[in-house]
Every structure is written in C-alpha cells, then in structure tokens.
N, C-alpha and C. Protein backbone atom coordinates (compact mmCIF):
# COMPACT_ATOMS: atom_id res chain seq x y z
N UNK A 1 0.85 -1.17 0.00
CA UNK A 1 0.00 0.00 0.00
C UNK A 1 0.89 1.23 0.00
N UNK A 2 0.63 2.16 -0.92
CA UNK A 2 1.43 3.38 -0.99
C UNK A 2 0.96 4.43 0.00
N UNK A 3 1.80 5.41 0.17
CA UNK A 3 1.43 6.51 1.04
C UNK A 3 0.46 7.42 0.32
N UNK A 4 -0.45 7.98 1.07
CA UNK A 4 -1.36 8.95 0.49
C UNK A 4 -1.58 10.06 1.50
N UNK A 5 -2.06 11.17 1.01
CA UNK A 5 -2.33 12.31 1.88
C UNK A 5 -3.50 11.98 2.79
N UNK A 6 -3.55 12.61 3.96
CA UNK A 6 -4.70 12.38 4.84
C UNK A 6 -5.99 12.85 4.17
N UNK A 7 -7.09 12.27 4.59
CA UNK A 7 -8.41 12.65 4.11
C UNK A 7 -8.65 14.13 4.41
N UNK A 8 -9.23 14.82 3.45
CA UNK A 8 -9.56 16.23 3.64
C UNK A 8 -11.00 16.36 4.14
N UNK A 9 -11.35 17.50 4.72
CA UNK A 9 -12.75 17.71 5.11
C UNK A 9 -13.72 17.55 3.93
N UNK A 10 -13.34 18.01 2.75
CA UNK A 10 -14.20 17.86 1.58
C UNK A 10 -14.38 16.39 1.21
N UNK A 11 -13.30 15.61 1.27
CA UNK A 11 -13.42 14.18 0.99
C UNK A 11 -14.34 13.51 2.01
N UNK A 12 -14.28 13.96 3.25
CA UNK A 12 -15.14 13.41 4.29
C UNK A 12 -16.61 13.63 3.93
N UNK A 13 -16.94 14.84 3.54
CA UNK A 13 -18.32 15.15 3.14
C UNK A 13 -18.73 14.34 1.92
N UNK A 14 -17.82 14.25 0.94
CA UNK A 14 -18.12 13.52 -0.28
C UNK A 14 -18.39 12.05 0.02
N UNK A 15 -17.60 11.47 0.90
CA UNK A 15 -17.76 10.05 1.25
C UNK A 15 -19.10 9.83 1.96
N UNK A 16 -19.46 10.75 2.86
CA UNK A 16 -20.75 10.62 3.54
C UNK A 16 -21.90 10.65 2.55
N UNK A 17 -21.83 11.58 1.59
CA UNK A 17 -22.89 11.69 0.59
C UNK A 17 -22.96 10.42 -0.26
N UNK A 18 -21.80 9.91 -0.67
CA UNK A 18 -21.76 8.69 -1.49
C UNK A 18 -22.42 7.52 -0.77
N UNK A 19 -22.28 7.48 0.55
CA UNK A 19 -22.85 6.38 1.33
C UNK A 19 -24.26 6.68 1.82
N UNK A 20 -24.69 7.93 1.70
CA UNK A 20 -26.01 8.30 2.22
C UNK A 20 -26.03 8.39 3.74
N UNK A 21 -24.87 8.69 4.34
CA UNK A 21 -24.77 8.77 5.80
C UNK A 21 -24.94 10.21 6.27
N UNK A 22 -25.56 10.36 7.42
CA UNK A 22 -25.60 11.65 8.10
C UNK A 22 -24.31 11.78 8.93
N UNK A 23 -24.07 12.96 9.47
CA UNK A 23 -22.92 13.14 10.36
C UNK A 23 -23.05 12.21 11.57
N UNK A 24 -24.28 12.02 12.05
CA UNK A 24 -24.51 11.12 13.19
C UNK A 24 -24.18 9.67 12.82
N UNK A 25 -24.58 9.25 11.61
CA UNK A 25 -24.26 7.89 11.15
C UNK A 25 -22.75 7.67 11.15
N UNK A 26 -22.02 8.63 10.59
CA UNK A 26 -20.56 8.51 10.55
C UNK A 26 -19.98 8.48 11.94
N UNK A 27 -20.44 9.36 12.81
CA UNK A 27 -19.92 9.41 14.18
C UNK A 27 -20.11 8.07 14.88
N UNK A 28 -21.27 7.47 14.72
CA UNK A 28 -21.53 6.17 15.34
C UNK A 28 -20.61 5.09 14.79
N UNK A 29 -20.43 5.06 13.48
CA UNK A 29 -19.60 4.03 12.86
C UNK A 29 -18.12 4.22 13.19
N UNK A 30 -17.69 5.48 13.32
CA UNK A 30 -16.28 5.77 13.60
C UNK A 30 -15.99 5.82 15.11
N UNK A 31 -17.05 5.81 15.89
CA UNK A 31 -16.93 5.90 17.35
C UNK A 31 -16.26 7.21 17.78
N UNK A 32 -16.76 8.29 17.18
CA UNK A 32 -16.33 9.64 17.56
C UNK A 32 -17.60 10.46 17.78
N UNK A 33 -17.47 11.63 18.34
CA UNK A 33 -18.63 12.48 18.57
C UNK A 33 -19.14 13.12 17.29
N UNK A 34 -20.44 13.34 17.22
CA UNK A 34 -21.02 13.98 16.04
C UNK A 34 -20.48 15.40 15.88
N UNK A 35 -20.24 16.10 16.98
CA UNK A 35 -19.67 17.44 16.88
C UNK A 35 -18.25 17.40 16.33
N UNK A 36 -17.52 16.32 16.61
CA UNK A 36 -16.18 16.15 16.06
C UNK A 36 -16.24 16.04 14.54
N UNK A 37 -17.18 15.26 14.04
CA UNK A 37 -17.37 15.12 12.59
C UNK A 37 -17.70 16.48 11.98
N UNK A 38 -18.64 17.19 12.58
CA UNK A 38 -19.06 18.48 12.04
C UNK A 38 -17.92 19.50 12.06
N UNK A 39 -17.13 19.50 13.15
CA UNK A 39 -15.99 20.43 13.22
C UNK A 39 -14.97 20.11 12.13
N UNK A 40 -14.65 18.81 11.98
CA UNK A 40 -13.67 18.43 10.96
C UNK A 40 -14.15 18.83 9.57
N UNK A 41 -15.42 18.55 9.27
CA UNK A 41 -15.95 18.87 7.94
C UNK A 41 -16.00 20.37 7.69
N UNK A 42 -16.02 21.16 8.74
CA UNK A 42 -16.03 22.62 8.56
C UNK A 42 -14.62 23.18 8.41
N UNK A 43 -13.61 22.28 8.47
CA UNK A 43 -12.24 22.70 8.23
C UNK A 43 -11.42 22.95 9.49
N UNK A 44 -12.00 22.68 10.64
CA UNK A 44 -11.25 22.86 11.88
C UNK A 44 -10.32 21.66 12.08
N UNK A 45 -9.18 21.86 12.76
CA UNK A 45 -8.22 20.77 12.95
C UNK A 45 -8.81 19.61 13.75
N UNK A 46 -8.32 18.42 13.46
CA UNK A 46 -8.72 17.21 14.19
C UNK A 46 -7.47 16.40 14.48
N UNK A 47 -7.52 15.65 15.56
CA UNK A 47 -6.41 14.76 15.90
C UNK A 47 -6.23 13.72 14.80
N UNK A 48 -4.99 13.34 14.56
CA UNK A 48 -4.69 12.32 13.56
C UNK A 48 -5.44 11.03 13.88
N UNK A 49 -5.51 10.68 15.16
CA UNK A 49 -6.20 9.43 15.55
C UNK A 49 -7.69 9.51 15.21
N UNK A 50 -8.29 10.67 15.35
CA UNK A 50 -9.71 10.85 15.02
C UNK A 50 -9.93 10.71 13.52
N UNK A 51 -9.09 11.34 12.73
CA UNK A 51 -9.21 11.25 11.27
C UNK A 51 -9.02 9.80 10.83
N UNK A 52 -8.10 9.11 11.47
CA UNK A 52 -7.86 7.70 11.14
C UNK A 52 -9.11 6.86 11.41
N UNK A 53 -9.77 7.08 12.54
CA UNK A 53 -11.00 6.34 12.86
C UNK A 53 -12.09 6.60 11.82
N UNK A 54 -12.20 7.85 11.39
CA UNK A 54 -13.20 8.20 10.38
C UNK A 54 -12.86 7.54 9.05
N UNK A 55 -11.60 7.61 8.65
CA UNK A 55 -11.17 6.97 7.39
C UNK A 55 -11.44 5.47 7.44
N UNK A 56 -11.14 4.83 8.56
CA UNK A 56 -11.35 3.39 8.68
C UNK A 56 -12.83 3.02 8.55
N UNK A 57 -13.70 3.84 9.12
CA UNK A 57 -15.15 3.59 9.00
C UNK A 57 -15.57 3.68 7.54
N UNK A 58 -15.07 4.68 6.84
CA UNK A 58 -15.40 4.82 5.42
C UNK A 58 -14.85 3.65 4.61
N UNK A 59 -13.60 3.30 4.84
CA UNK A 59 -12.97 2.21 4.07
C UNK A 59 -13.70 0.89 4.31
N UNK A 60 -14.17 0.66 5.53
CA UNK A 60 -14.92 -0.57 5.82
C UNK A 60 -16.24 -0.61 5.06
N UNK A 61 -16.76 0.57 4.71
CA UNK A 61 -18.01 0.67 3.96
C UNK A 61 -17.78 0.68 2.45
N UNK A 62 -16.52 0.64 2.01
CA UNK A 62 -16.23 0.56 0.58
C UNK A 62 -15.74 1.85 -0.06
N UNK A 63 -15.39 2.84 0.74
CA UNK A 63 -14.88 4.09 0.19
C UNK A 63 -13.38 3.99 -0.06
N UNK A 64 -12.96 4.47 -1.22
CA UNK A 64 -11.54 4.59 -1.54
C UNK A 64 -11.25 6.08 -1.72
N UNK A 65 -10.21 6.56 -1.06
CA UNK A 65 -9.83 7.96 -1.18
C UNK A 65 -8.83 8.10 -2.32
N UNK A 66 -9.05 9.08 -3.18
CA UNK A 66 -8.15 9.34 -4.29
C UNK A 66 -7.46 10.67 -4.05
N UNK A 67 -6.25 10.78 -4.51
CA UNK A 67 -5.48 11.99 -4.32
C UNK A 67 -4.94 12.46 -5.66
N UNK A 68 -3.93 13.25 -5.64
CA UNK A 68 -3.39 13.79 -6.87
C UNK A 68 -3.88 15.20 -7.08
N UNK A 69 -4.06 15.57 -8.32
CA UNK A 69 -4.48 16.94 -8.63
C UNK A 69 -5.90 17.24 -8.21
N UNK A 70 -6.73 16.22 -8.13
CA UNK A 70 -8.14 16.41 -7.77
C UNK A 70 -8.55 15.36 -6.74
N UNK A 71 -8.24 15.60 -5.46
CA UNK A 71 -8.61 14.63 -4.43
C UNK A 71 -10.12 14.36 -4.44
N UNK A 72 -10.47 13.12 -4.24
CA UNK A 72 -11.89 12.75 -4.24
C UNK A 72 -12.11 11.42 -3.54
N UNK A 73 -13.24 10.81 -3.83
CA UNK A 73 -13.57 9.51 -3.26
C UNK A 73 -14.18 8.64 -4.35
N UNK A 74 -14.10 7.36 -4.14
CA UNK A 74 -14.68 6.38 -5.05
C UNK A 74 -15.37 5.33 -4.18
N UNK A 75 -16.57 4.92 -4.55
CA UNK A 75 -17.31 3.93 -3.78
C UNK A 75 -17.22 2.57 -4.45
N UNK A 76 -16.78 1.61 -3.69
CA UNK A 76 -16.74 0.21 -4.13
C UNK A 76 -17.74 -0.52 -3.25
N UNK A 77 -18.97 -0.72 -3.74
CA UNK A 77 -19.99 -1.36 -2.90
C UNK A 77 -19.53 -2.72 -2.40
N UNK A 78 -19.78 -2.96 -1.13
CA UNK A 78 -19.43 -4.23 -0.51
C UNK A 78 -20.51 -5.26 -0.84
N UNK A 79 -20.09 -6.46 -1.13
CA UNK A 79 -21.03 -7.56 -1.38
C UNK A 79 -21.33 -8.21 -0.04
N UNK A 80 -22.60 -8.37 0.24
CA UNK A 80 -23.00 -8.95 1.53
C UNK A 80 -23.36 -10.40 1.37
C-alpha cells in the first residue's frame, strides 16, 4: 500500500454523501462524537487518531480515497 495524503474535510463530506450517511451515522460508525465530525468537515483541525477512525469507518463501507491533482472519493460497494 502506498502513502497517500490524509483525508480532507471535503473528501469526508463527499464520502458521507456517497454512502447516504448523516454526520450522526458517521460518528456512530467511527466511534467519535457527532460534533467532532461536524468540526472536521467545517475545516477545523482534528487529531490524527480521530481522522484515522473516520477513514477506517469509510474504508470498511467501501470508500476509496483518491489523491493527486483532484482529491476525491470512489465507492466500491461491498457484497453482503
């Protein structure tokens, strides 16, 4: 696995929309506070450990973060 830049607040919002999750849904899945999610998405700093928990929740749901000139997200639906 190569190194990639940390998830941005915009990527966080994009991933939530792709999954149809509310900020509360994400907070529950990542085991962080809903206010933490909202603060991060508004561009305020977050602890690396918090961002990691959020990224892991998204990745478990099938989100892939893309970087480069146009950072974004890609959804790979999980087969149940």
